[in-house]
Amino acid sequence: MTDIKQKKENVKMHLKHLRQNLKKMHLEVTEELILPNPDDVKELMNKMDKLLKLIESK
């Protein structure tokens, strides 16, 4: 697999993981009326920032 394809796959994997976490948080807020832990939100934001930096570096 070429380097570019590998990077694309890595980005896809990270996006899927972020999406799953966000969906979980959304369900907790809307269905269970539970606010997410602020540290969890910060962690997701940091992951998104890292992913954005990776994408911008291309």
PDB file of N, CA and C in Angstrom:
ATOM      1  N   MET A   1       0.846  -1.178   0.000  1.00  0.00           N
ATOM      2  CA  MET A   1       0.000   0.000   0.000  1.00  0.00           C
ATOM      3  C   MET A   1       0.890   1.241   0.000  1.00  0.00           C
ATOM      4  N   THR A   2       0.526   2.200  -0.838  1.00  0.00           N
ATOM      5  CA  THR A   2       1.340   3.412  -0.901  1.00  0.00           C
ATOM      6  C   THR A   2       1.141   4.256   0.351  1.00  0.00           C
ATOM      7  N   ASP A   3       2.069   5.164   0.539  1.00  0.00           N
ATOM      8  CA  ASP A   3       2.039   6.029   1.720  1.00  0.00           C
ATOM      9  C   ASP A   3       0.756   6.867   1.753  1.00  0.00           C
ATOM     10  N   ILE A   4       0.339   7.384   0.610  1.00  0.00           N
ATOM     11  CA  ILE A   4      -0.871   8.217   0.551  1.00  0.00           C
ATOM     12  C   ILE A   4      -2.096   7.387   0.888  1.00  0.00           C
ATOM     13  N   LYS A   5      -2.170   6.183   0.352  1.00  0.00           N
ATOM     14  CA  LYS A   5      -3.307   5.315   0.658  1.00  0.00           C
ATOM     15  C   LYS A   5      -3.334   4.960   2.136  1.00  0.00           C
ATOM     16  N   GLN A   6      -2.183   4.731   2.704  1.00  0.00           N
ATOM     17  CA  GLN A   6      -2.104   4.408   4.131  1.00  0.00           C
ATOM     18  C   GLN A   6      -2.584   5.592   4.973  1.00  0.00           C
ATOM     19  N   LYS A   7      -2.180   6.784   4.593  1.00  0.00           N
ATOM     20  CA  LYS A   7      -2.624   7.975   5.318  1.00  0.00           C
ATOM     21  C   LYS A   7      -4.134   8.139   5.217  1.00  0.00           C
ATOM     22  N   LYS A   8      -4.682   7.890   4.033  1.00  0.00           N
ATOM     23  CA  LYS A   8      -6.131   7.977   3.858  1.00  0.00           C
ATOM     24  C   LYS A   8      -6.846   6.967   4.751  1.00  0.00           C
ATOM     25  N   GLU A   9      -6.326   5.777   4.807  1.00  0.00           N
ATOM     26  CA  GLU A   9      -6.933   4.743   5.650  1.00  0.00           C
ATOM     27  C   GLU A   9      -6.852   5.133   7.124  1.00  0.00           C
ATOM     28  N   ASN A  10      -5.729   5.708   7.527  1.00  0.00           N
ATOM     29  CA  ASN A  10      -5.574   6.162   8.910  1.00  0.00           C
ATOM     30  C   ASN A  10      -6.590   7.255   9.235  1.00  0.00           C
ATOM     31  N   VAL A  11      -6.768   8.178   8.310  1.00  0.00           N
ATOM     32  CA  VAL A  11      -7.731   9.264   8.524  1.00  0.00           C
ATOM     33  C   VAL A  11      -9.137   8.687   8.626  1.00  0.00           C
ATOM     34  N   LYS A  12      -9.471   7.767   7.749  1.00  0.00           N
ATOM     35  CA  LYS A  12     -10.794   7.132   7.791  1.00  0.00           C
ATOM     36  C   LYS A  12     -11.019   6.431   9.123  1.00  0.00           C
ATOM     37  N   MET A  13     -10.022   5.730   9.585  1.00  0.00           N
ATOM     38  CA  MET A  13     -10.136   5.007  10.847  1.00  0.00           C
ATOM     39  C   MET A  13     -10.368   5.990  11.999  1.00  0.00           C
ATOM     40  N   HIS A  14      -9.608   7.068  12.019  1.00  0.00           N
ATOM     41  CA  HIS A  14      -9.762   8.063  13.083  1.00  0.00           C
ATOM     42  C   HIS A  14     -11.138   8.728  13.014  1.00  0.00           C
ATOM     43  N   LEU A  15     -11.596   9.025  11.806  1.00  0.00           N
ATOM     44  CA  LEU A  15     -12.911   9.636  11.654  1.00  0.00           C
ATOM     45  C   LEU A  15     -14.018   8.703  12.142  1.00  0.00           C
ATOM     46  N   LYS A  16     -13.902   7.429  11.824  1.00  0.00           N
ATOM     47  CA  LYS A  16     -14.898   6.459  12.291  1.00  0.00           C
ATOM     48  C   LYS A  16     -14.926   6.398  13.809  1.00  0.00           C
ATOM     49  N   HIS A  17     -13.753   6.401  14.413  1.00  0.00           N
ATOM     50  CA  HIS A  17     -13.665   6.347  15.870  1.00  0.00           C
ATOM     51  C   HIS A  17     -14.282   7.606  16.500  1.00  0.00           C
ATOM     52  N   LEU A  18     -13.947   8.760  15.952  1.00  0.00           N
ATOM     53  CA  LEU A  18     -14.506  10.009  16.452  1.00  0.00           C
ATOM     54  C   LEU A  18     -16.025  10.026  16.294  1.00  0.00           C
ATOM     55  N   ARG A  19     -16.483   9.565  15.159  1.00  0.00           N
ATOM     56  CA  ARG A  19     -17.926   9.534  14.899  1.00  0.00           C
ATOM     57  C   ARG A  19     -18.640   8.637  15.909  1.00  0.00           C
ATOM     58  N   GLN A  20     -18.077   7.495  16.194  1.00  0.00           N
ATOM     59  CA  GLN A  20     -18.674   6.590  17.173  1.00  0.00           C
ATOM     60  C   GLN A  20     -18.763   7.242  18.548  1.00  0.00           C
ATOM     61  N   ASN A  21     -17.695   7.900  18.946  1.00  0.00           N
ATOM     62  CA  ASN A  21     -17.693   8.579  20.243  1.00  0.00           C
ATOM     63  C   ASN A  21     -18.721   9.708  20.286  1.00  0.00           C
ATOM     64  N   LEU A  22     -18.815  10.457  19.213  1.00  0.00           N
ATOM     65  CA  LEU A  22     -19.781  11.551  19.169  1.00  0.00           C
ATOM     66  C   LEU A  22     -21.219  11.032  19.173  1.00  0.00           C
ATOM     67  N   LYS A  23     -21.456   9.948  18.460  1.00  0.00           N
ATOM     68  CA  LYS A  23     -22.795   9.344  18.458  1.00  0.00           C
ATOM     69  C   LYS A  23     -23.184   8.873  19.858  1.00  0.00           C
ATOM     70  N   LYS A  24     -22.222   8.272  20.545  1.00  0.00           N
ATOM     71  CA  LYS A  24     -22.467   7.800  21.911  1.00  0.00           C
ATOM     72  C   LYS A  24     -22.818   8.975  22.817  1.00  0.00           C
ATOM     73  N   MET A  25     -22.040  10.045  22.719  1.00  0.00           N
ATOM     74  CA  MET A  25     -22.318  11.233  23.530  1.00  0.00           C
ATOM     75  C   MET A  25     -23.691  11.807  23.188  1.00  0.00           C
ATOM     76  N   HIS A  26     -23.999  11.857  21.919  1.00  0.00           N
ATOM     77  CA  HIS A  26     -25.288  12.401  21.485  1.00  0.00           C
ATOM     78  C   HIS A  26     -26.446  11.592  22.071  1.00  0.00           C
ATOM     79  N   LEU A  27     -26.341  10.283  22.021  1.00  0.00           N
ATOM     80  CA  LEU A  27     -27.388   9.433  22.580  1.00  0.00           C
ATOM     81  C   LEU A  27     -27.518   9.629  24.088  1.00  0.00           C
ATOM     82  N   GLU A  28     -26.414   9.757  24.763  1.00  0.00           N
ATOM     83  CA  GLU A  28     -26.456   9.988  26.205  1.00  0.00           C
ATOM     84  C   GLU A  28     -27.165  11.298  26.525  1.00  0.00           C
ATOM     85  N   VAL A  29     -26.898  12.314  25.741  1.00  0.00           N
ATOM     86  CA  VAL A  29     -27.510  13.619  25.990  1.00  0.00           C
ATOM     87  C   VAL A  29     -29.000  13.591  25.637  1.00  0.00           C
ATOM     88  N   THR A  30     -29.340  13.064  24.481  1.00  0.00           N
ATOM     89  CA  THR A  30     -30.719  13.145  24.010  1.00  0.00           C
ATOM     90  C   THR A  30     -31.642  12.102  24.627  1.00  0.00           C
ATOM     91  N   GLU A  31     -31.156  10.900  24.861  1.00  0.00           N
ATOM     92  CA  GLU A  31     -32.028   9.845  25.354  1.00  0.00           C
ATOM     93  C   GLU A  31     -31.937   9.636  26.859  1.00  0.00           C
ATOM     94  N   GLU A  32     -30.748   9.750  27.388  1.00  0.00           N
ATOM     95  CA  GLU A  32     -30.565   9.481  28.812  1.00  0.00           C
ATOM     96  C   GLU A  32     -30.450  10.766  29.635  1.00  0.00           C
ATOM     97  N   LEU A  33     -30.424  11.903  28.932  1.00  0.00           N
ATOM     98  CA  LEU A  33     -30.303  13.213  29.576  1.00  0.00           C
ATOM     99  C   LEU A  33     -29.082  13.309  30.491  1.00  0.00           C
ATOM    100  N   ILE A  34     -27.990  12.719  30.015  1.00  0.00           N
ATOM    101  CA  ILE A  34     -26.724  12.746  30.746  1.00  0.00           C
ATOM    102  C   ILE A  34     -25.746  13.616  29.966  1.00  0.00           C
ATOM    103  N   LEU A  35     -25.206  14.610  30.638  1.00  0.00           N
ATOM    104  CA  LEU A  35     -24.198  15.446  29.989  1.00  0.00           C
ATOM    105  C   LEU A  35     -22.861  14.712  29.962  1.00  0.00           C
ATOM    106  N   PRO A  36     -22.117  14.861  28.872  1.00  0.00           N
ATOM    107  CA  PRO A  36     -20.821  14.183  28.790  1.00  0.00           C
ATOM    108  C   PRO A  36     -19.823  14.759  29.787  1.00  0.00           C
ATOM    109  N   ASN A  37     -18.909  13.937  30.149  1.00  0.00           N
ATOM    110  CA  ASN A  37     -17.826  14.350  31.023  1.00  0.00           C
ATOM    111  C   ASN A  37     -16.976  15.384  30.263  1.00  0.00           C
ATOM    112  N   PRO A  38     -16.690  16.523  30.870  1.00  0.00           N
ATOM    113  CA  PRO A  38     -15.884  17.544  30.182  1.00  0.00           C
ATOM    114  C   PRO A  38     -14.534  17.021  29.693  1.00  0.00           C
ATOM    115  N   ASP A  39     -13.934  16.107  30.442  1.00  0.00           N
ATOM    116  CA  ASP A  39     -12.653  15.549  30.006  1.00  0.00           C
ATOM    117  C   ASP A  39     -12.813  14.720  28.736  1.00  0.00           C
ATOM    118  N   ASP A  40     -13.935  14.033  28.604  1.00  0.00           N
ATOM    119  CA  ASP A  40     -14.194  13.258  27.386  1.00  0.00           C
ATOM    120  C   ASP A  40     -14.352  14.181  26.178  1.00  0.00           C
ATOM    121  N   VAL A  41     -15.027  15.294  26.395  1.00  0.00           N
ATOM    122  CA  VAL A  41     -15.213  16.266  25.312  1.00  0.00           C
ATOM    123  C   VAL A  41     -13.862  16.857  24.916  1.00  0.00           C
ATOM    124  N   LYS A  42     -13.052  17.198  25.892  1.00  0.00           N
ATOM    125  CA  LYS A  42     -11.720  17.746  25.608  1.00  0.00           C
ATOM    126  C   LYS A  42     -10.863  16.741  24.856  1.00  0.00           C
ATOM    127  N   GLU A  43     -10.957  15.487  25.253  1.00  0.00           N
ATOM    128  CA  GLU A  43     -10.188  14.435  24.579  1.00  0.00           C
ATOM    129  C   GLU A  43     -10.595  14.312  23.112  1.00  0.00           C
ATOM    130  N   LEU A  44     -11.897  14.335  22.853  1.00  0.00           N
ATOM    131  CA  LEU A  44     -12.365  14.276  21.469  1.00  0.00           C
ATOM    132  C   LEU A  44     -11.921  15.499  20.676  1.00  0.00           C
ATOM    133  N   MET A  45     -11.973  16.641  21.300  1.00  0.00           N
ATOM    134  CA  MET A  45     -11.522  17.858  20.613  1.00  0.00           C
ATOM    135  C   MET A  45     -10.035  17.769  20.274  1.00  0.00           C
ATOM    136  N   ASN A  46      -9.244  17.256  21.186  1.00  0.00           N
ATOM    137  CA  ASN A  46      -7.814  17.091  20.925  1.00  0.00           C
ATOM    138  C   ASN A  46      -7.566  16.113  19.786  1.00  0.00           C
ATOM    139  N   LYS A  47      -8.328  15.033  19.767  1.00  0.00           N
ATOM    140  CA  LYS A  47      -8.193  14.059  18.677  1.00  0.00           C
ATOM    141  C   LYS A  47      -8.565  14.687  17.349  1.00  0.00           C
ATOM    142  N   MET A  48      -9.613  15.491  17.356  1.00  0.00           N
ATOM    143  CA  MET A  48     -10.025  16.157  16.118  1.00  0.00           C
ATOM    144  C   MET A  48      -8.971  17.161  15.665  1.00  0.00           C
ATOM    145  N   ASP A  49      -8.381  17.868  16.607  1.00  0.00           N
ATOM    146  CA  ASP A  49      -7.309  18.811  16.269  1.00  0.00           C
ATOM    147  C   ASP A  49      -6.113  18.091  15.646  1.00  0.00           C
ATOM    148  N   LYS A  50      -5.739  16.964  16.224  1.00  0.00           N
ATOM    149  CA  LYS A  50      -4.621  16.185  15.680  1.00  0.00           C
ATOM    150  C   LYS A  50      -4.925  15.701  14.272  1.00  0.00           C
ATOM    151  N   LEU A  51      -6.145  15.250  14.080  1.00  0.00           N
ATOM    152  CA  LEU A  51      -6.542  14.770  12.761  1.00  0.00           C
ATOM    153  C   LEU A  51      -6.516  15.917  11.757  1.00  0.00           C
ATOM    154  N   LEU A  52      -7.005  17.052  12.151  1.00  0.00           N
ATOM    155  CA  LEU A  52      -6.991  18.213  11.270  1.00  0.00           C
ATOM    156  C   LEU A  52      -5.566  18.603  10.896  1.00  0.00           C
ATOM    157  N   LYS A  53      -4.659  18.571  11.843  1.00  0.00           N
ATOM    158  CA  LYS A  53      -3.259  18.884  11.562  1.00  0.00           C
ATOM    159  C   LYS A  53      -2.655  17.874  10.586  1.00  0.00           C
ATOM    160  N   LEU A  54      -3.037  16.614  10.760  1.00  0.00           N
ATOM    161  CA  LEU A  54      -2.548  15.577   9.854  1.00  0.00           C
ATOM    162  C   LEU A  54      -3.045  15.835   8.433  1.00  0.00           C
ATOM    163  N   ILE A  55      -4.307  16.175   8.317  1.00  0.00           N
ATOM    164  CA  ILE A  55      -4.890  16.427   7.011  1.00  0.00           C
ATOM    165  C   ILE A  55      -4.271  17.670   6.376  1.00  0.00           C
ATOM    166  N   GLU A  56      -4.077  18.707   7.154  1.00  0.00           N
ATOM    167  CA  GLU A  56      -3.523  19.957   6.636  1.00  0.00           C
ATOM    168  C   GLU A  56      -2.061  19.830   6.238  1.00  0.00           C
ATOM    169  N   SER A  57      -1.379  18.853   6.791  1.00  0.00           N
ATOM    170  CA  SER A  57       0.045  18.694   6.496  1.00  0.00           C
ATOM    171  C   SER A  57       0.303  18.107   5.119  1.00  0.00           C
ATOM    172  N   LYS A  58      -0.726  17.691   4.432  1.00  0.00           N
ATOM    173  CA  LYS A  58      -0.558  17.081   3.095  1.00  0.00           C
ATOM    174  C   LYS A  58      -0.384  18.117   2.045  1.00  0.00           C
TER     175      LYS A  58
END
